Amino acid sequence: MRILFTICGRAGSKGLRNKNLRKMKGVPLVYYTLASIRMYMEAHPEMDIDIALNTDSRELVDIVRGQRMVPDIKIIDRKPELANDTAAKVGVIRDTYLQCEKEAPYDVVVDLDITSPLRRTEDIEAAVEKLKSD
């Protein structure tokens, strides 16, 4: 099974400025998301997994490139029309999928929010199972 994990982080934020660059306990929030993907990958070595970050934030790209938890994260430059306050996240996820699927189609796409650092491997497993059964 091929899975695409998408991580979407816009540079601007209406509610909490630079929320995708924030830290929790001194650790960038995005690292929690990457760690949860790594734990899922370790629990499911039989899966073919890609990870893509869709962003217009150079700072976020630098943070992600500076980590060593998961290799080969695809960086997708966010299109200007998807980087405003009115752009729906589903459009960003769709664009990420379309850019990544050129290599091979995916069976499941799972979007993981940067600002939800408390997810567990079981949460991702449940999401993947739900998506597989739909």
N, C-alpha and C. Protein backbone atom coordinates (compact mmCIF):
# COMPACT_ATOMS: atom_id res chain seq x y z
N MET A 1 0.85 -1.17 0.00
CA MET A 1 0.00 0.00 0.00
C MET A 1 0.89 1.24 0.00
N ARG A 2 0.54 2.21 -0.84
CA ARG A 2 1.26 3.49 -0.90
C ARG A 2 0.47 4.56 -0.16
N ILE A 3 1.15 5.23 0.76
CA ILE A 3 0.53 6.28 1.56
C ILE A 3 1.29 7.58 1.35
N LEU A 4 0.55 8.66 1.18
CA LEU A 4 1.14 9.99 1.15
C LEU A 4 0.71 10.73 2.41
N PHE A 5 1.67 11.12 3.22
CA PHE A 5 1.39 11.98 4.36
C PHE A 5 1.65 13.40 3.92
N THR A 6 0.65 14.26 4.06
CA THR A 6 0.82 15.66 3.73
C THR A 6 0.89 16.48 5.01
N ILE A 7 1.76 17.47 4.97
CA ILE A 7 1.89 18.44 6.05
C ILE A 7 1.79 19.79 5.38
N CYS A 8 0.79 20.56 5.76
CA CYS A 8 0.53 21.85 5.12
C CYS A 8 0.76 22.96 6.13
N GLY A 9 1.63 23.90 5.78
CA GLY A 9 1.93 25.00 6.69
C GLY A 9 2.10 26.31 5.95
N ARG A 10 1.11 27.16 6.04
CA ARG A 10 1.16 28.45 5.37
C ARG A 10 2.00 29.42 6.19
N ALA A 11 2.68 30.34 5.49
CA ALA A 11 3.53 31.33 6.17
C ALA A 11 2.69 32.29 7.01
N GLY A 12 1.62 32.79 6.45
CA GLY A 12 0.78 33.74 7.18
C GLY A 12 -0.25 33.02 8.02
N SER A 13 -0.68 33.68 9.06
CA SER A 13 -1.74 33.11 9.88
C SER A 13 -2.57 34.25 10.42
N LYS A 14 -3.86 34.13 10.24
CA LYS A 14 -4.77 35.18 10.70
C LYS A 14 -4.92 35.17 12.22
N GLY A 15 -5.07 33.99 12.78
CA GLY A 15 -5.34 33.89 14.21
C GLY A 15 -4.11 34.02 15.08
N LEU A 16 -3.12 33.17 14.88
CA LEU A 16 -1.91 33.15 15.69
C LEU A 16 -0.71 33.28 14.77
N ARG A 17 -0.09 34.43 14.81
CA ARG A 17 1.02 34.73 13.89
C ARG A 17 2.13 33.68 13.98
N ASN A 18 2.56 33.20 12.81
CA ASN A 18 3.65 32.22 12.69
C ASN A 18 3.40 30.95 13.51
N LYS A 19 2.15 30.53 13.60
CA LYS A 19 1.83 29.37 14.44
C LYS A 19 2.57 28.11 13.99
N ASN A 20 2.85 27.96 12.70
CA ASN A 20 3.53 26.77 12.21
C ASN A 20 5.03 26.76 12.51
N LEU A 21 5.54 27.88 13.02
CA LEU A 21 6.94 27.97 13.41
C LEU A 21 7.12 27.88 14.93
N ARG A 22 6.02 27.78 15.65
CA ARG A 22 6.05 27.76 17.11
C ARG A 22 6.72 26.49 17.64
N LYS A 23 7.10 26.58 18.91
CA LYS A 23 7.71 25.45 19.60
C LYS A 23 6.85 25.04 20.79
N MET A 24 6.96 23.78 21.15
CA MET A 24 6.35 23.26 22.37
C MET A 24 7.46 22.55 23.13
N LYS A 25 7.69 23.00 24.35
CA LYS A 25 8.78 22.45 25.17
C LYS A 25 10.13 22.57 24.44
N GLY A 26 10.29 23.67 23.70
CA GLY A 26 11.55 23.93 23.01
C GLY A 26 11.75 23.19 21.70
N VAL A 27 10.74 22.43 21.27
CA VAL A 27 10.83 21.63 20.06
C VAL A 27 9.85 22.20 19.03
N PRO A 28 10.30 22.42 17.78
CA PRO A 28 9.38 22.91 16.76
C PRO A 28 8.16 21.98 16.63
N LEU A 29 6.97 22.58 16.55
CA LEU A 29 5.74 21.78 16.43
C LEU A 29 5.80 20.77 15.30
N VAL A 30 6.37 21.15 14.17
CA VAL A 30 6.41 20.24 13.03
C VAL A 30 7.20 18.97 13.34
N TYR A 31 8.15 19.05 14.28
CA TYR A 31 8.91 17.85 14.64
C TYR A 31 8.03 16.79 15.30
N TYR A 32 7.01 17.21 16.04
CA TYR A 32 6.07 16.26 16.63
C TYR A 32 5.32 15.50 15.54
N THR A 33 4.94 16.23 14.49
CA THR A 33 4.25 15.59 13.37
C THR A 33 5.18 14.60 12.68
N LEU A 34 6.41 15.03 12.43
CA LEU A 34 7.38 14.14 11.78
C LEU A 34 7.70 12.92 12.64
N ALA A 35 7.78 13.12 13.94
CA ALA A 35 8.04 11.99 14.84
C ALA A 35 6.89 10.99 14.81
N SER A 36 5.65 11.49 14.73
CA SER A 36 4.51 10.57 14.68
C SER A 36 4.52 9.78 13.36
N ILE A 37 4.93 10.42 12.28
CA ILE A 37 5.05 9.70 11.01
C ILE A 37 6.15 8.65 11.11
N ARG A 38 7.28 9.02 11.70
CA ARG A 38 8.37 8.07 11.87
C ARG A 38 7.93 6.85 12.67
N MET A 39 7.19 7.08 13.76
CA MET A 39 6.73 5.96 14.58
C MET A 39 5.77 5.07 13.79
N TYR A 40 4.92 5.70 12.96
CA TYR A 40 4.02 4.91 12.11
C TYR A 40 4.84 4.08 11.12
N MET A 41 5.85 4.69 10.53
CA MET A 41 6.69 3.98 9.56
C MET A 41 7.40 2.79 10.21
N GLU A 42 7.88 2.99 11.43
CA GLU A 42 8.56 1.91 12.15
C GLU A 42 7.59 0.78 12.48
N ALA A 43 6.35 1.12 12.79
CA ALA A 43 5.35 0.11 13.12
C ALA A 43 4.81 -0.60 11.87
N HIS A 44 5.00 0.03 10.70
CA HIS A 44 4.45 -0.52 9.45
C HIS A 44 5.49 -0.48 8.33
N PRO A 45 6.56 -1.27 8.48
CA PRO A 45 7.62 -1.25 7.45
C PRO A 45 7.15 -1.79 6.10
N GLU A 46 6.02 -2.47 6.10
CA GLU A 46 5.49 -3.01 4.85
C GLU A 46 4.85 -1.94 3.97
N MET A 47 4.62 -0.77 4.51
CA MET A 47 3.97 0.31 3.76
C MET A 47 5.00 1.10 2.96
N ASP A 48 4.59 1.56 1.81
CA ASP A 48 5.41 2.45 0.97
C ASP A 48 4.92 3.86 1.27
N ILE A 49 5.73 4.64 1.98
CA ILE A 49 5.28 5.93 2.50
C ILE A 49 6.11 7.07 1.95
N ASP A 50 5.41 8.12 1.52
CA ASP A 50 6.03 9.38 1.14
C ASP A 50 5.50 10.46 2.06
N ILE A 51 6.32 11.49 2.27
CA ILE A 51 5.93 12.62 3.10
C ILE A 51 6.16 13.88 2.27
N ALA A 52 5.17 14.77 2.28
CA ALA A 52 5.29 16.02 1.53
C ALA A 52 4.89 17.20 2.40
N LEU A 53 5.73 18.22 2.39
CA LEU A 53 5.43 19.48 3.07
C LEU A 53 5.03 20.49 2.01
N ASN A 54 3.83 21.04 2.13
CA ASN A 54 3.36 22.07 1.21
C ASN A 54 3.37 23.39 1.97
N THR A 55 4.21 24.32 1.53
CA THR A 55 4.34 25.58 2.26
C THR A 55 4.85 26.70 1.37
N ASP A 56 4.62 27.91 1.84
CA ASP A 56 5.22 29.09 1.23
C ASP A 56 6.16 29.75 2.23
N SER A 57 6.53 29.03 3.29
CA SER A 57 7.39 29.55 4.36
C SER A 57 8.79 28.98 4.23
N ARG A 58 9.75 29.83 3.90
CA ARG A 58 11.15 29.40 3.82
C ARG A 58 11.65 28.97 5.20
N GLU A 59 11.17 29.63 6.26
CA GLU A 59 11.59 29.27 7.62
C GLU A 59 11.14 27.84 7.96
N LEU A 60 9.92 27.50 7.58
CA LEU A 60 9.41 26.15 7.84
C LEU A 60 10.20 25.12 7.04
N VAL A 61 10.52 25.44 5.81
CA VAL A 61 11.34 24.53 5.00
C VAL A 61 12.69 24.30 5.68
N ASP A 62 13.32 25.37 6.17
CA ASP A 62 14.61 25.24 6.84
C ASP A 62 14.51 24.38 8.09
N ILE A 63 13.44 24.56 8.86
CA ILE A 63 13.24 23.74 10.07
C ILE A 63 13.11 22.27 9.69
N VAL A 64 12.31 21.98 8.68
CA VAL A 64 12.09 20.59 8.26
C VAL A 64 13.37 19.98 7.69
N ARG A 65 14.09 20.75 6.91
CA ARG A 65 15.35 20.23 6.35
C ARG A 65 16.40 20.00 7.43
N GLY A 66 16.26 20.67 8.57
CA GLY A 66 17.22 20.53 9.65
C GLY A 66 17.00 19.33 10.55
N GLN A 67 15.93 18.60 10.34
CA GLN A 67 15.62 17.45 11.20
C GLN A 67 16.22 16.17 10.62
N ARG A 68 16.29 15.15 11.46
CA ARG A 68 16.85 13.86 11.02
C ARG A 68 15.94 12.68 11.35
N MET A 69 14.68 12.99 11.64
CA MET A 69 13.74 11.93 12.04
C MET A 69 13.30 11.09 10.85
N VAL A 70 12.97 11.76 9.76
CA VAL A 70 12.50 11.05 8.57
C VAL A 70 13.25 11.58 7.34
N PRO A 71 13.70 10.68 6.50
CA PRO A 71 14.42 11.11 5.29
C PRO A 71 13.46 11.48 4.17
N ASP A 72 14.00 12.15 3.19
CA ASP A 72 13.30 12.36 1.92
C ASP A 72 11.91 12.97 2.02
N ILE A 73 11.84 14.12 2.62
CA ILE A 73 10.56 14.84 2.63
C ILE A 73 10.49 15.68 1.37
N LYS A 74 9.42 15.49 0.63
CA LYS A 74 9.23 16.28 -0.59
C LYS A 74 8.75 17.67 -0.19
N ILE A 75 9.40 18.68 -0.71
CA ILE A 75 9.00 20.06 -0.45
C ILE A 75 8.20 20.55 -1.64
N ILE A 76 6.96 20.92 -1.40
CA ILE A 76 6.07 21.41 -2.45
C ILE A 76 5.85 22.90 -2.19
N ASP A 77 6.26 23.72 -3.14
CA ASP A 77 6.05 25.15 -3.01
C ASP A 77 4.56 25.46 -3.18
N ARG A 78 4.03 26.15 -2.18
CA ARG A 78 2.61 26.48 -2.23
C ARG A 78 2.35 27.53 -3.30
N LYS A 79 1.36 27.25 -4.11
CA LYS A 79 0.97 28.19 -5.15
C LYS A 79 0.34 29.43 -4.52
N PRO A 80 0.60 30.62 -5.10
CA PRO A 80 0.06 31.86 -4.52
C PRO A 80 -1.45 31.82 -4.30
N GLU A 81 -2.20 31.22 -5.21
CA GLU A 81 -3.65 31.18 -5.07
C GLU A 81 -4.10 30.26 -3.93
N LEU A 82 -3.18 29.44 -3.41
CA LEU A 82 -3.49 28.57 -2.27
C LEU A 82 -2.87 29.07 -0.97
N ALA A 83 -2.31 30.28 -1.01
CA ALA A 83 -1.60 30.82 0.15
C ALA A 83 -2.29 32.03 0.75
N ASN A 84 -3.59 32.11 0.59
CA ASN A 84 -4.31 33.25 1.17
C ASN A 84 -5.32 32.77 2.22
N ASP A 85 -5.95 33.71 2.88
CA ASP A 85 -6.88 33.39 3.97
C ASP A 85 -8.14 32.65 3.51
N THR A 86 -8.48 32.77 2.24
CA THR A 86 -9.72 32.15 1.76
C THR A 86 -9.50 30.80 1.09
N ALA A 87 -8.26 30.41 0.88
CA ALA A 87 -7.98 29.13 0.23
C ALA A 87 -8.33 27.98 1.17
N ALA A 88 -9.06 27.01 0.64
CA ALA A 88 -9.43 25.84 1.43
C ALA A 88 -8.25 24.87 1.53
N LYS A 89 -8.10 24.26 2.68
CA LYS A 89 -6.99 23.32 2.87
C LYS A 89 -7.08 22.12 1.94
N VAL A 90 -8.29 21.71 1.62
CA VAL A 90 -8.46 20.55 0.73
C VAL A 90 -7.81 20.83 -0.63
N GLY A 91 -7.83 22.07 -1.07
CA GLY A 91 -7.17 22.43 -2.32
C GLY A 91 -5.66 22.29 -2.23
N VAL A 92 -5.11 22.60 -1.08
CA VAL A 92 -3.68 22.46 -0.84
C VAL A 92 -3.30 20.98 -0.82
N ILE A 93 -4.10 20.18 -0.15
CA ILE A 93 -3.86 18.73 -0.09
C ILE A 93 -3.96 18.14 -1.49
N ARG A 94 -4.97 18.54 -2.24
CA ARG A 94 -5.15 18.05 -3.61
C ARG A 94 -3.94 18.42 -4.47
N ASP A 95 -3.47 19.67 -4.38
CA ASP A 95 -2.31 20.10 -5.15
C ASP A 95 -1.07 19.29 -4.78
N THR A 96 -0.89 19.03 -3.50
CA THR A 96 0.24 18.23 -3.03
C THR A 96 0.17 16.83 -3.62
N TYR A 97 -1.00 16.23 -3.56
CA TYR A 97 -1.20 14.89 -4.12
C TYR A 97 -0.89 14.87 -5.61
N LEU A 98 -1.42 15.83 -6.34
CA LEU A 98 -1.22 15.86 -7.79
C LEU A 98 0.25 16.01 -8.16
N GLN A 99 0.98 16.78 -7.37
CA GLN A 99 2.40 16.94 -7.66
C GLN A 99 3.21 15.70 -7.30
N CYS A 100 2.80 15.00 -6.26
CA CYS A 100 3.54 13.82 -5.81
C CYS A 100 3.17 12.55 -6.57
N GLU A 101 1.95 12.44 -7.04
CA GLU A 101 1.50 11.20 -7.65
C GLU A 101 2.05 10.98 -9.05
N LYS A 102 2.82 11.90 -9.57
CA LYS A 102 3.41 11.74 -10.89
C LYS A 102 4.31 10.51 -10.95
N GLU A 103 4.92 10.16 -9.81
CA GLU A 103 5.78 8.99 -9.74
C GLU A 103 4.97 7.70 -9.75
N ALA A 104 3.92 7.66 -8.94
CA ALA A 104 3.04 6.50 -8.85
C ALA A 104 1.83 6.92 -8.03
N PRO A 105 0.65 6.33 -8.28
CA PRO A 105 -0.55 6.72 -7.53
C PRO A 105 -0.48 6.24 -6.07
N TYR A 106 -1.20 6.94 -5.23
CA TYR A 106 -1.28 6.57 -3.81
C TYR A 106 -2.62 5.91 -3.53
N ASP A 107 -2.61 5.00 -2.57
CA ASP A 107 -3.84 4.36 -2.13
C ASP A 107 -4.57 5.22 -1.10
N VAL A 108 -3.78 5.93 -0.29
CA VAL A 108 -4.33 6.72 0.80
C VAL A 108 -3.52 8.01 0.94
N VAL A 109 -4.22 9.10 1.23
CA VAL A 109 -3.58 10.37 1.56
C VAL A 109 -4.03 10.77 2.95
N VAL A 110 -3.07 11.04 3.83
CA VAL A 110 -3.37 11.42 5.20
C VAL A 110 -2.72 12.77 5.48
N ASP A 111 -3.54 13.76 5.82
CA ASP A 111 -3.01 15.08 6.17
C ASP A 111 -2.87 15.17 7.67
N LEU A 112 -1.69 15.60 8.11
CA LEU A 112 -1.44 15.74 9.54
C LEU A 112 -1.11 17.21 9.84
N ASP A 113 -1.92 17.83 10.68
CA ASP A 113 -1.72 19.23 11.04
C ASP A 113 -0.46 19.41 11.88
N ILE A 114 0.26 20.48 11.58
CA ILE A 114 1.44 20.82 12.37
C ILE A 114 1.03 21.17 13.79
N THR A 115 -0.10 21.81 13.94
CA THR A 115 -0.52 22.32 15.25
C THR A 115 -1.31 21.31 16.08
N SER A 116 -1.16 20.03 15.77
CA SER A 116 -1.77 18.95 16.57
C SER A 116 -0.67 18.00 17.02
N PRO A 117 0.15 18.41 17.97
CA PRO A 117 1.33 17.62 18.32
C PRO A 117 1.08 16.40 19.21
N LEU A 118 -0.13 16.22 19.70
CA LEU A 118 -0.37 15.16 20.68
C LEU A 118 -0.95 13.88 20.08
N ARG A 119 -0.87 13.73 18.78
CA ARG A 119 -1.41 12.51 18.17
C ARG A 119 -0.51 11.33 18.48
N ARG A 120 -1.11 10.17 18.44
CA ARG A 120 -0.39 8.92 18.70
C ARG A 120 -0.35 8.07 17.44
N THR A 121 0.50 7.09 17.43
CA THR A 121 0.58 6.17 16.29
C THR A 121 -0.78 5.53 16.06
N GLU A 122 -1.49 5.20 17.14
CA GLU A 122 -2.81 4.58 17.02
C GLU A 122 -3.80 5.49 16.31
N ASP A 123 -3.65 6.80 16.49
CA ASP A 123 -4.53 7.75 15.80
C ASP A 123 -4.31 7.68 14.29
N ILE A 124 -3.06 7.62 13.89
CA ILE A 124 -2.75 7.53 12.46
C ILE A 124 -3.21 6.19 11.91
N GLU A 125 -2.98 5.12 12.65
CA GLU A 125 -3.43 3.80 12.21
C GLU A 125 -4.93 3.78 12.00
N ALA A 126 -5.67 4.37 12.92
CA ALA A 126 -7.14 4.43 12.79
C ALA A 126 -7.55 5.22 11.56
N ALA A 127 -6.87 6.33 11.31
CA ALA A 127 -7.19 7.14 10.13
C ALA A 127 -6.92 6.37 8.85
N VAL A 128 -5.78 5.70 8.78
CA VAL A 128 -5.44 4.93 7.58
C VAL A 128 -6.45 3.80 7.37
N GLU A 129 -6.81 3.11 8.43
CA GLU A 129 -7.79 2.02 8.31
C GLU A 129 -9.14 2.56 7.83
N LYS A 130 -9.56 3.67 8.36
CA LYS A 130 -10.83 4.30 7.94
C LYS A 130 -10.78 4.67 6.46
N LEU A 131 -9.68 5.26 6.04
CA LEU A 131 -9.55 5.66 4.64
C LEU A 131 -9.51 4.44 3.72
N LYS A 132 -8.87 3.37 4.16
CA LYS A 132 -8.80 2.14 3.36
C LYS A 132 -10.17 1.53 3.17
N SER A 133 -11.02 1.64 4.20
CA SER A 133 -12.32 0.98 4.15
C SER A 133 -13.38 1.79 3.41
N ASP A 134 -13.13 3.08 3.22
CA ASP A 134 -14.11 3.95 2.50
C ASP A 134 -14.03 3.77 1.00
